[in-house]
C-alpha atoms as a PDB file:
ATOM      1  CA  MET A   1      19.973 -34.996  43.640  1.00  0.00           C
ATOM      2  CA  ASP A   2      16.507 -34.736  45.219  1.00  0.00           C
ATOM      3  CA  LYS A   3      13.377 -33.420  43.549  1.00  0.00           C
ATOM      4  CA  ARG A   4      13.757 -29.952  45.082  1.00  0.00           C
ATOM      5  CA  SER A   5      17.280 -29.501  43.717  1.00  0.00           C
ATOM      6  CA  ARG A   6      16.233 -30.639  40.240  1.00  0.00           C
ATOM      7  CA  THR A   7      13.334 -28.171  40.010  1.00  0.00           C
ATOM      8  CA  PRO A   8      15.458 -25.041  39.338  1.00  0.00           C
ATOM      9  CA  VAL A   9      17.419 -26.912  36.683  1.00  0.00           C
ATOM     10  CA  PHE A  10      14.257 -27.968  34.902  1.00  0.00           C
ATOM     11  CA  ALA A  11      12.940 -24.394  35.098  1.00  0.00           C
ATOM     12  CA  ILE A  12      16.135 -23.034  33.498  1.00  0.00           C
ATOM     13  CA  LEU A  13      16.020 -25.622  30.716  1.00  0.00           C
ATOM     14  CA  ILE A  14      12.380 -24.799  29.985  1.00  0.00           C
ATOM     15  CA  ALA A  15      13.175 -21.072  29.925  1.00  0.00           C
ATOM     16  CA  ILE A  16      16.031 -21.650  27.478  1.00  0.00           C
ATOM     17  CA  GLU A  17      13.789 -23.737  25.231  1.00  0.00           C
ATOM     18  CA  ILE A  18      11.075 -21.082  25.273  1.00  0.00           C
ATOM     19  CA  GLY A  19      13.668 -18.461  24.394  1.00  0.00           C
ATOM     20  CA  ILE A  20      14.886 -20.467  21.414  1.00  0.00           C
ATOM     21  CA  VAL A  21      11.353 -20.998  20.165  1.00  0.00           C
ATOM     22  CA  GLY A  22      10.633 -17.299  20.634  1.00  0.00           C
ATOM     23  CA  LEU A  23      13.635 -16.276  18.555  1.00  0.00           C
ATOM     24  CA  ALA A  24      12.624 -18.655  15.794  1.00  0.00           C
ATOM     25  CA  ALA A  25       9.073 -17.336  15.792  1.00  0.00           C
ATOM     26  CA  TYR A  26       9.948 -13.636  15.976  1.00  0.00           C
ATOM     27  CA  SER A  27      10.794 -12.986  12.362  1.00  0.00           C
ATOM     28  CA  ILE A  28       9.595 -10.458   9.879  1.00  0.00           C
ATOM     29  CA  ARG A  29       7.576 -11.649   6.916  1.00  0.00           C
ATOM     30  CA  GLY A  30       7.629 -15.303   8.058  1.00  0.00           C
ATOM     31  CA  ALA A  31      11.350 -15.939   8.111  1.00  0.00           C
ATOM     32  CA  VAL A  32      12.431 -19.549   8.105  1.00  0.00           C
ATOM     33  CA  ALA A  33      14.638 -20.144  11.141  1.00  0.00           C
ATOM     34  CA  GLY A  34      17.249 -22.202   9.318  1.00  0.00           C
ATOM     35  CA  ASN A  35      17.703 -19.593   6.566  1.00  0.00           C
ATOM     36  CA  ALA A  36      17.873 -16.723   9.041  1.00  0.00           C
ATOM     37  CA  LEU A  37      20.440 -18.383  11.274  1.00  0.00           C
ATOM     38  CA  ALA A  38      22.700 -19.122   8.330  1.00  0.00           C
ATOM     39  CA  GLY A  39      23.682 -15.465   7.939  1.00  0.00           C
ATOM     40  CA  GLY A  40      25.085 -14.920  11.427  1.00  0.00           C
ATOM     41  CA  ILE A  41      24.232 -12.267  14.030  1.00  0.00           C
ATOM     42  CA  GLY A  42      24.779  -8.625  13.097  1.00  0.00           C
ATOM     43  CA  GLY A  43      23.393  -5.092  13.169  1.00  0.00           C
ATOM     44  CA  ALA A  44      20.431  -4.306  10.959  1.00  0.00           C
ATOM     45  CA  ASP A  45      22.022  -1.545   8.877  1.00  0.00           C
ATOM     46  CA  PHE A  46      20.537  -0.696   5.491  1.00  0.00           C
ATOM     47  CA  THR A  47      21.396   2.469   3.588  1.00  0.00           C
ATOM     48  CA  ALA A  48      18.910   3.261   0.843  1.00  0.00           C
ATOM     49  CA  LYS A  49      20.281   4.473  -2.461  1.00  0.00           C
ATOM     50  CA  SER A  50      19.587   8.094  -3.433  1.00  0.00           C
ATOM     51  CA  PHE A  51      18.434   9.242  -6.876  1.00  0.00           C
ATOM     52  CA  ALA A  52      18.862  12.492  -8.790  1.00  0.00           C
ATOM     53  CA  PRO A  53      15.716  14.269 -10.073  1.00  0.00           C
ATOM     54  CA  ILE A  54      14.539  13.001 -13.476  1.00  0.00           C
ATOM     55  CA  SER A  55      13.277  15.050 -16.407  1.00  0.00           C
ATOM     56  CA  ALA A  56      10.761  12.985 -18.399  1.00  0.00           C
ATOM     57  CA  GLY A  57       8.345  15.587 -19.749  1.00  0.00           C
ATOM     58  CA  SER A  58       5.092  16.976 -18.352  1.00  0.00           C
ATOM     59  CA  THR A  59       3.046  13.785 -18.847  1.00  0.00           C
ATOM     60  CA  PRO A  60       5.409  10.860 -18.351  1.00  0.00           C
ATOM     61  CA  ARG A  61       4.314   7.268 -17.833  1.00  0.00           C
ATOM     62  CA  VAL A  62       5.501   6.178 -14.395  1.00  0.00           C
ATOM     63  CA  THR A  63       5.392   2.477 -13.480  1.00  0.00           C
ATOM     64  CA  ILE A  64       6.098   1.222  -9.978  1.00  0.00           C
ATOM     65  CA  ASP A  65       6.594  -2.433  -9.042  1.00  0.00           C
ATOM     66  CA  ASP A  66       7.747  -3.393  -5.553  1.00  0.00           C
ATOM     67  CA  PRO A  67       6.563  -6.635  -3.907  1.00  0.00           C
ATOM     68  CA  ASN A  68       7.906  -5.557  -0.518  1.00  0.00           C
ATOM     69  CA  SER A  69       6.971  -1.917   0.082  1.00  0.00           C
ATOM     70  CA  GLY A  70       4.356   0.769   0.375  1.00  0.00           C
ATOM     71  CA  VAL A  71       4.512   4.002  -1.640  1.00  0.00           C
ATOM     72  CA  THR A  72       3.395   7.630  -1.498  1.00  0.00           C
ATOM     73  CA  ILE A  73       2.904   9.383  -4.858  1.00  0.00           C
ATOM     74  CA  SER A  74       2.198  13.099  -5.133  1.00  0.00           C
ATOM     75  CA  ALA A  75       2.583  15.992  -7.559  1.00  0.00           C
ATOM     76  CA  SER A  76       5.999  17.615  -7.739  1.00  0.00           C
ATOM     77  CA  THR A  77       6.399  21.398  -7.743  1.00  0.00           C
ATOM     78  CA  ASP A  78       9.158  21.555 -10.359  1.00  0.00           C
ATOM     79  CA  GLY A  79       7.842  19.248 -13.104  1.00  0.00           C
ATOM     80  CA  LEU A  80      10.484  16.605 -12.379  1.00  0.00           C
ATOM     81  CA  VAL A  81      10.272  13.060 -11.029  1.00  0.00           C
ATOM     82  CA  HIS A  82      11.761  12.603  -7.570  1.00  0.00           C
ATOM     83  CA  VAL A  83      12.321   9.218  -5.928  1.00  0.00           C
ATOM     84  CA  LYS A  84      13.236   8.888  -2.259  1.00  0.00           C
ATOM     85  CA  ASP A  85      13.575   5.486  -0.629  1.00  0.00           C
ATOM     86  CA  ASP A  86      13.042   5.841   3.118  1.00  0.00           C
ATOM     87  CA  THR A  87      13.308   2.132   3.875  1.00  0.00           C
ATOM     88  CA  TYR A  88      15.221   1.399   7.068  1.00  0.00           C
ATOM     89  CA  PHE A  89      15.819  -1.363   9.590  1.00  0.00           C
ATOM     90  CA  SER A  90      16.998  -0.960  13.164  1.00  0.00           C
ATOM     91  CA  GLY A  91      17.842  -3.758  15.582  1.00  0.00           C
ATOM     92  CA  VAL A  92      19.987  -6.870  15.863  1.00  0.00           C
ATOM     93  CA  THR A  93      19.289  -9.454  13.191  1.00  0.00           C
ATOM     94  CA  LEU A  94      20.287 -13.048  12.572  1.00  0.00           C
ATOM     95  CA  ARG A  95      20.648 -12.283   8.885  1.00  0.00           C
ATOM     96  CA  SER A  96      22.177  -9.123   7.497  1.00  0.00           C
ATOM     97  CA  PRO A  97      19.800  -6.710   5.697  1.00  0.00           C
ATOM     98  CA  HIS A  98      22.787  -5.618   3.596  1.00  0.00           C
ATOM     99  CA  ASP A  99      21.343  -8.163   1.164  1.00  0.00           C
ATOM    100  CA  TYR A 100      17.988  -6.377   1.039  1.00  0.00           C
ATOM    101  CA  PRO A 101      17.515  -5.168  -2.568  1.00  0.00           C
ATOM    102  CA  GLN A 102      17.827  -1.510  -3.501  1.00  0.00           C
ATOM    103  CA  LEU A 103      15.276   0.292  -5.624  1.00  0.00           C
ATOM    104  CA  ILE A 104      16.072   0.324  -9.337  1.00  0.00           C
ATOM    105  CA  VAL A 105      15.106   3.444 -11.312  1.00  0.00           C
ATOM    106  CA  THR A 106      15.339   3.581 -15.101  1.00  0.00           C
ATOM    107  CA  HIS A 107      13.993   6.206 -17.500  1.00  0.00           C
ATOM    108  CA  ASP A 108      13.933   7.583 -21.019  1.00  0.00           C
ATOM    109  CA  PHE A 109      12.573  10.808 -22.479  1.00  0.00           C
ATOM    110  CA  ASN A 110       8.923  10.197 -21.452  1.00  0.00           C
ATOM    111  CA  SER A 111       8.782   7.259 -19.032  1.00  0.00           C
ATOM    112  CA  VAL A 112      10.138   6.243 -15.635  1.00  0.00           C
ATOM    113  CA  HIS A 113      10.224   2.719 -14.182  1.00  0.00           C
ATOM    114  CA  ILE A 114      10.745   2.153 -10.461  1.00  0.00           C
ATOM    115  CA  SER A 115      11.126  -1.377  -9.125  1.00  0.00           C
ATOM    116  CA  ARG A 116      12.666  -3.505  -6.407  1.00  0.00           C
ATOM    117  CA  PRO A 117      13.621  -7.133  -7.038  1.00  0.00           C
ATOM    118  CA  ALA A 118      11.503  -9.669  -5.179  1.00  0.00           C
ATOM    119  CA  TYR A 119      13.102 -10.969  -2.033  1.00  0.00           C
ATOM    120  CA  HIS A 120      12.095 -14.212  -0.362  1.00  0.00           C
ATOM    121  CA  ALA A 121       9.768 -13.908   2.617  1.00  0.00           C
ATOM    122  CA  GLY A 122      12.328 -15.149   5.156  1.00  0.00           C
ATOM    123  CA  TRP A 123      14.990 -12.546   4.575  1.00  0.00           C
ATOM    124  CA  ALA A 124      15.615 -11.572   8.206  1.00  0.00           C
ATOM    125  CA  MET A 125      14.963 -12.392  11.833  1.00  0.00           C
ATOM    126  CA  PHE A 126      15.286  -9.803  14.596  1.00  0.00           C
ATOM    127  CA  ILE A 127      16.398 -10.316  18.189  1.00  0.00           C
ATOM    128  CA  GLY A 128      14.763  -8.159  20.822  1.00  0.00           C
ATOM    129  CA  ILE A 129      13.354  -4.712  20.007  1.00  0.00           C
ATOM    130  CA  SER A 130      13.456  -3.756  16.344  1.00  0.00           C
ATOM    131  CA  VAL A 131      12.054  -1.040  14.102  1.00  0.00           C
ATOM    132  CA  SER A 132      11.638  -1.265  10.346  1.00  0.00           C
ATOM    133  CA  ARG A 133       9.987   0.640   7.501  1.00  0.00           C
ATOM    134  CA  GLN A 134       9.606  -0.509   3.904  1.00  0.00           C
ATOM    135  CA  HIS A 135       8.350   2.510   2.000  1.00  0.00           C
ATOM    136  CA  PHE A 136       9.387   5.045  -0.623  1.00  0.00           C
ATOM    137  CA  ASP A 137       8.152   8.405  -1.849  1.00  0.00           C
ATOM    138  CA  VAL A 138       7.677   9.427  -5.476  1.00  0.00           C
ATOM    139  CA  GLN A 139       6.873  12.923  -6.751  1.00  0.00           C
ATOM    140  CA  VAL A 140       5.788  13.276 -10.370  1.00  0.00           C
ATOM    141  CA  PRO A 141       4.402  15.944 -12.720  1.00  0.00           C
ATOM    142  CA  ALA A 142       0.683  16.254 -11.939  1.00  0.00           C
ATOM    143  CA  GLY A 143      -0.289  14.996 -15.409  1.00  0.00           C
ATOM    144  CA  ALA A 144       1.753  11.791 -15.217  1.00  0.00           C
ATOM    145  CA  SER A 145       0.099   8.453 -16.013  1.00  0.00           C
ATOM    146  CA  ILE A 146       0.755   6.055 -13.147  1.00  0.00           C
ATOM    147  CA  VAL A 147       0.716   2.262 -12.853  1.00  0.00           C
ATOM    148  CA  VAL A 148       1.453   0.865  -9.378  1.00  0.00           C
ATOM    149  CA  ALA A 149       1.719  -2.691  -8.025  1.00  0.00           C
ATOM    150  CA  VAL A 150       3.018  -3.029  -4.456  1.00  0.00           C
ATOM    151  CA  ASP A 151       2.503  -5.002  -1.258  1.00  0.00           C
ATOM    152  CA  GLY A 152       1.776  -2.244   1.230  1.00  0.00           C
ATOM    153  CA  ARG A 153      -0.185   0.937   1.595  1.00  0.00           C
ATOM    154  CA  ILE A 154      -0.576   3.336  -1.345  1.00  0.00           C
ATOM    155  CA  GLU A 155      -1.070   7.065  -0.874  1.00  0.00           C
ATOM    156  CA  LEU A 156      -1.920   9.341  -3.825  1.00  0.00           C
ATOM    157  CA  ALA A 157      -2.276  13.129  -3.770  1.00  0.00           C
ATOM    158  CA  ARG A 158      -2.862  16.026  -6.191  1.00  0.00           C
ATOM    159  CA  LEU A 159      -2.648  13.980  -9.390  1.00  0.00           C
ATOM    160  CA  ALA A 160      -4.422  14.556 -12.722  1.00  0.00           C
ATOM    161  CA  GLY A 161      -3.333  11.728 -15.035  1.00  0.00           C
ATOM    162  CA  ALA A 162      -4.681   8.217 -15.538  1.00  0.00           C
ATOM    163  CA  ILE A 163      -4.011   6.021 -12.497  1.00  0.00           C
ATOM    164  CA  VAL A 164      -3.963   2.249 -11.996  1.00  0.00           C
ATOM    165  CA  ALA A 165      -2.948   1.220  -8.464  1.00  0.00           C
ATOM    166  CA  HIS A 166      -3.086  -2.204  -6.822  1.00  0.00           C
ATOM    167  CA  THR A 167      -1.832  -3.475  -3.486  1.00  0.00           C
ATOM    168  CA  ASP A 168      -1.836  -7.086  -2.349  1.00  0.00           C
ATOM    169  CA  ASP A 169      -1.917  -6.193   1.327  1.00  0.00           C
ATOM    170  CA  GLY A 170      -2.613  -2.630   2.390  1.00  0.00           C
ATOM    171  CA  HIS A 171      -4.948   0.318   2.233  1.00  0.00           C
ATOM    172  CA  ILE A 172      -5.212   2.993  -0.458  1.00  0.00           C
ATOM    173  CA  ALA A 173      -5.781   6.687   0.258  1.00  0.00           C
ATOM    174  CA  ALA A 174      -6.311   9.110  -2.653  1.00  0.00           C
ATOM    175  CA  ASP A 175      -6.735  12.855  -2.120  1.00  0.00           C
ATOM    176  CA  ASP A 176      -7.454  15.704  -4.544  1.00  0.00           C
ATOM    177  CA  ILE A 177      -7.450  13.581  -7.694  1.00  0.00           C
ATOM    178  CA  THR A 178      -8.622  14.978 -11.052  1.00  0.00           C
ATOM    179  CA  SER A 179      -8.344  12.099 -13.481  1.00  0.00           C
ATOM    180  CA  PRO A 180      -9.978  10.802 -16.670  1.00  0.00           C
ATOM    181  CA  SER A 181      -9.330   7.222 -15.537  1.00  0.00           C
ATOM    182  CA  LEU A 182      -8.913   5.800 -12.048  1.00  0.00           C
ATOM    183  CA  ASP A 183      -8.578   2.109 -11.121  1.00  0.00           C
ATOM    184  CA  LEU A 184      -7.845   1.377  -7.458  1.00  0.00           C
ATOM    185  CA  SER A 185      -7.863  -2.132  -5.990  1.00  0.00           C
ATOM    186  CA  SER A 186      -6.713  -3.915  -2.845  1.00  0.00           C
ATOM    187  CA  SER A 187      -6.689  -7.623  -2.102  1.00  0.00           C
ATOM    188  CA  ASP A 188      -6.803  -6.903   1.629  1.00  0.00           C
ATOM    189  CA  GLY A 189      -7.375  -3.356   2.813  1.00  0.00           C
ATOM    190  CA  TRP A 190      -9.705  -0.360   2.887  1.00  0.00           C
ATOM    191  CA  ILE A 191      -9.838   2.344   0.214  1.00  0.00           C
ATOM    192  CA  GLU A 192     -10.682   6.016   0.753  1.00  0.00           C
ATOM    193  CA  VAL A 193     -10.957   8.580  -2.040  1.00  0.00           C
ATOM    194  CA  ARG A 194     -11.407  12.202  -1.003  1.00  0.00           C
ATOM    195  CA  ASN A 195     -12.210  15.256  -3.145  1.00  0.00           C
ATOM    196  CA  LEU A 196     -12.329  13.341  -6.433  1.00  0.00           C
ATOM    197  CA  THR A 197     -13.065  15.434  -9.535  1.00  0.00           C
ATOM    198  CA  THR A 198     -14.431  13.351 -12.394  1.00  0.00           C
ATOM    199  CA  VAL A 199     -13.970  14.132 -16.084  1.00  0.00           C
ATOM    200  CA  ALA A 200     -16.780  13.852 -18.661  1.00  0.00           C
ATOM    201  CA  GLY A 201     -16.629  10.398 -20.221  1.00  0.00           C
ATOM    202  CA  GLY A 202     -14.190   9.217 -17.559  1.00  0.00           C
ATOM    203  CA  LYS A 203     -13.983   5.655 -16.263  1.00  0.00           C
ATOM    204  CA  TYR A 204     -13.493   4.898 -12.579  1.00  0.00           C
ATOM    205  CA  ASP A 205     -13.252   1.644 -10.626  1.00  0.00           C
ATOM    206  CA  VAL A 206     -12.618   1.201  -6.897  1.00  0.00           C
ATOM    207  CA  SER A 207     -12.697  -2.282  -5.359  1.00  0.00           C
ATOM    208  CA  THR A 208     -11.408  -4.312  -2.442  1.00  0.00           C
ATOM    209  CA  LYS A 209     -11.778  -7.919  -1.384  1.00  0.00           C
ATOM    210  CA  ASP A 210     -11.720  -7.062   2.314  1.00  0.00           C
ATOM    211  CA  GLY A 211     -12.323  -3.606   3.744  1.00  0.00           C
ATOM    212  CA  HIS A 212     -14.541  -0.544   3.648  1.00  0.00           C
ATOM    213  CA  ILE A 213     -14.649   1.986   0.816  1.00  0.00           C
ATOM    214  CA  LYS A 214     -15.318   5.707   1.105  1.00  0.00           C
ATOM    215  CA  VAL A 215     -15.632   7.978  -1.922  1.00  0.00           C
ATOM    216  CA  ALA A 216     -16.245  11.725  -1.660  1.00  0.00           C
ATOM    217  CA  PHE A 217     -16.629  13.770  -4.858  1.00  0.00           C
ATOM    218  CA  ALA A 218     -15.513  17.343  -5.399  1.00  0.00           C
ATOM    219  CA  HIS A 219     -18.054  20.048  -6.225  1.00  0.00           C
ATOM    220  CA  GLY A 220     -19.128  19.922  -9.879  1.00  0.00           C
ATOM    221  CA  SER A 221     -18.465  16.241 -10.461  1.00  0.00           C
ATOM    222  CA  ASP A 222     -20.777  14.465 -12.920  1.00  0.00           C
ATOM    223  CA  VAL A 223     -20.804  10.713 -12.477  1.00  0.00           C
ATOM    224  CA  THR A 224     -23.065   7.667 -12.293  1.00  0.00           C
ATOM    225  CA  VAL A 225     -21.912   5.339  -9.526  1.00  0.00           C
ATOM    226  CA  ASP A 226     -22.700   1.620  -9.392  1.00  0.00           C
ATOM    227  CA  ALA A 227     -22.029   0.858  -5.713  1.00  0.00           C
ATOM    228  CA  SER A 228     -22.295  -2.629  -4.212  1.00  0.00           C
ATOM    229  CA  THR A 229     -21.076  -4.768  -1.340  1.00  0.00           C
ATOM    230  CA  ASN A 230     -21.416  -8.503  -0.755  1.00  0.00           C
ATOM    231  CA  ASP A 231     -21.356  -8.084   3.022  1.00  0.00           C
ATOM    232  CA  GLY A 232     -21.900  -4.672   4.562  1.00  0.00           C
ATOM    233  CA  SER A 233     -23.957  -1.517   4.488  1.00  0.00           C
ATOM    234  CA  LEU A 234     -24.210   1.212   1.862  1.00  0.00           C
ATOM    235  CA  ARG A 235     -24.527   4.855   2.846  1.00  0.00           C
ATOM    236  CA  VAL A 236     -25.133   7.681   0.343  1.00  0.00           C
ATOM    237  CA  ASP A 237     -25.027  11.267   1.610  1.00  0.00           C
ATOM    238  CA  GLY A 238     -25.882  10.035   5.084  1.00  0.00           C
ATOM    239  CA  VAL A 239     -28.760   7.796   3.987  1.00  0.00           C
ATOM    240  CA  ARG A 240     -28.204   4.138   4.773  1.00  0.00           C
ATOM    241  CA  TYR A 241     -29.397   1.381   2.449  1.00  0.00           C
ATOM    242  CA  HIS A 242     -29.842  -2.127   3.816  1.00  0.00           C
ATOM    243  CA  GLY A 243     -29.721  -5.519   2.146  1.00  0.00           C
ATOM    244  CA  ASP A 244     -29.821  -9.085   3.376  1.00  0.00           C
ATOM    245  CA  ASP A 245     -26.234 -10.187   2.857  1.00  0.00           C
ATOM    246  CA  SER A 246     -25.530  -7.708   0.076  1.00  0.00           C
ATOM    247  CA  VAL A 247     -26.724  -4.365  -1.225  1.00  0.00           C
ATOM    248  CA  ARG A 248     -26.416  -2.525  -4.508  1.00  0.00           C
ATOM    249  CA  GLN A 249     -27.415   0.985  -5.521  1.00  0.00           C
ATOM    250  CA  THR A 250     -27.018   3.256  -8.537  1.00  0.00           C
ATOM    251  CA  ILE A 251     -26.206   6.852  -7.618  1.00  0.00           C
ATOM    252  CA  ARG A 252     -26.347   9.732 -10.077  1.00  0.00           C
ATOM    253  CA  ILE A 253     -24.328  12.823  -9.255  1.00  0.00           C
ATOM    254  CA  GLY A 254     -24.754  15.896 -11.438  1.00  0.00           C
ATOM    255  CA  SER A 255     -25.456  14.932 -15.044  1.00  0.00           C
ATOM    256  CA  GLY A 256     -23.969  11.467 -14.532  1.00  0.00           C
ATOM    257  CA  GLY A 257     -21.622  11.993 -17.467  1.00  0.00           C
ATOM    258  CA  SER A 258     -18.915   9.573 -16.342  1.00  0.00           C
ATOM    259  CA  ALA A 259     -19.111   6.022 -14.977  1.00  0.00           C
ATOM    260  CA  MET A 260     -17.824   4.589 -11.717  1.00  0.00           C
ATOM    261  CA  ARG A 261     -17.954   1.146 -10.128  1.00  0.00           C
ATOM    262  CA  VAL A 262     -17.444   0.823  -6.371  1.00  0.00           C
ATOM    263  CA  HIS A 263     -17.412  -2.679  -4.871  1.00  0.00           C
ATOM    264  CA  SER A 264     -16.334  -4.432  -1.685  1.00  0.00           C
ATOM    265  CA  ASP A 265     -16.518  -8.186  -1.185  1.00  0.00           C
ATOM    266  CA  ASP A 266     -16.558  -7.687   2.581  1.00  0.00           C
ATOM    267  CA  GLY A 267     -17.036  -4.143   3.872  1.00  0.00           C
ATOM    268  CA  SER A 268     -19.301  -1.131   4.007  1.00  0.00           C
ATOM    269  CA  ILE A 269     -19.438   1.593   1.340  1.00  0.00           C
ATOM    270  CA  THR A 270     -19.927   5.317   1.874  1.00  0.00           C
ATOM    271  CA  VAL A 271     -20.523   7.712  -1.048  1.00  0.00           C
ATOM    272  CA  THR A 272     -20.652  11.482  -0.565  1.00  0.00           C
ATOM    273  CA  SER A 273     -21.775  13.588  -3.514  1.00  0.00           C
ATOM    274  CA  GLU A 274     -19.711  16.595  -2.483  1.00  0.00           C
ATOM    275  CA  SER A 275     -16.646  16.708  -0.245  1.00  0.00           C
ATOM    276  CA  ARG A 276     -17.280  18.610   2.952  1.00  0.00           C
END
């Protein structure tokens, strides 16, 4: 066989090798090729479990713990707790997502706990085009106290109870919050709070290790804000404050009757005294 006849063969072998490497690399959440291949090729079908509405009083304590998903939490219109898991996977996978854990919801007369068991990072590998979503929606009585720890985006709306929300990797958006206590934090993501109504004597903390922060207060809010960034700009009602590598400013809104800390390790901060 001469050199010209061997060239197409070499090209095919290289293409096959590239294809194998591509399949191994194209995994979700860092799948390990050996683990993924062990499950066999199949369709990525996952049917999320459904949950009946829960009666837990007008001010229940709702805790949410899911190391895999993002969550949207808003006020219900009927005073009940509603949980809807809209997680789905579509495509051909080398490991069946039938093994992907379902949400677990438990409750008693005044508390609700929503969780999903941790699943190792290499749970699946997709071939070709795939679509996936790891997210669920929770509706609660407006006065519910909420504690959230997830690994995705967090969205909060129309809530009036105490809130603690942390994400390891995602942004946080909070709209129309009236709360005596608010603690929002992200290890990697921006945070935006819009139309926040503070309560006299309330305590508020908003922080991220990497990302911008925007806070806009509702009319009539009384709060003293300690705003700082280690690397970025600070803007208050359109006025920009500069620092060398960091900047810090105390902002008094109204009578300053509640306290708020706003901090980003790496990102700009914008504070607006009244939502527009």
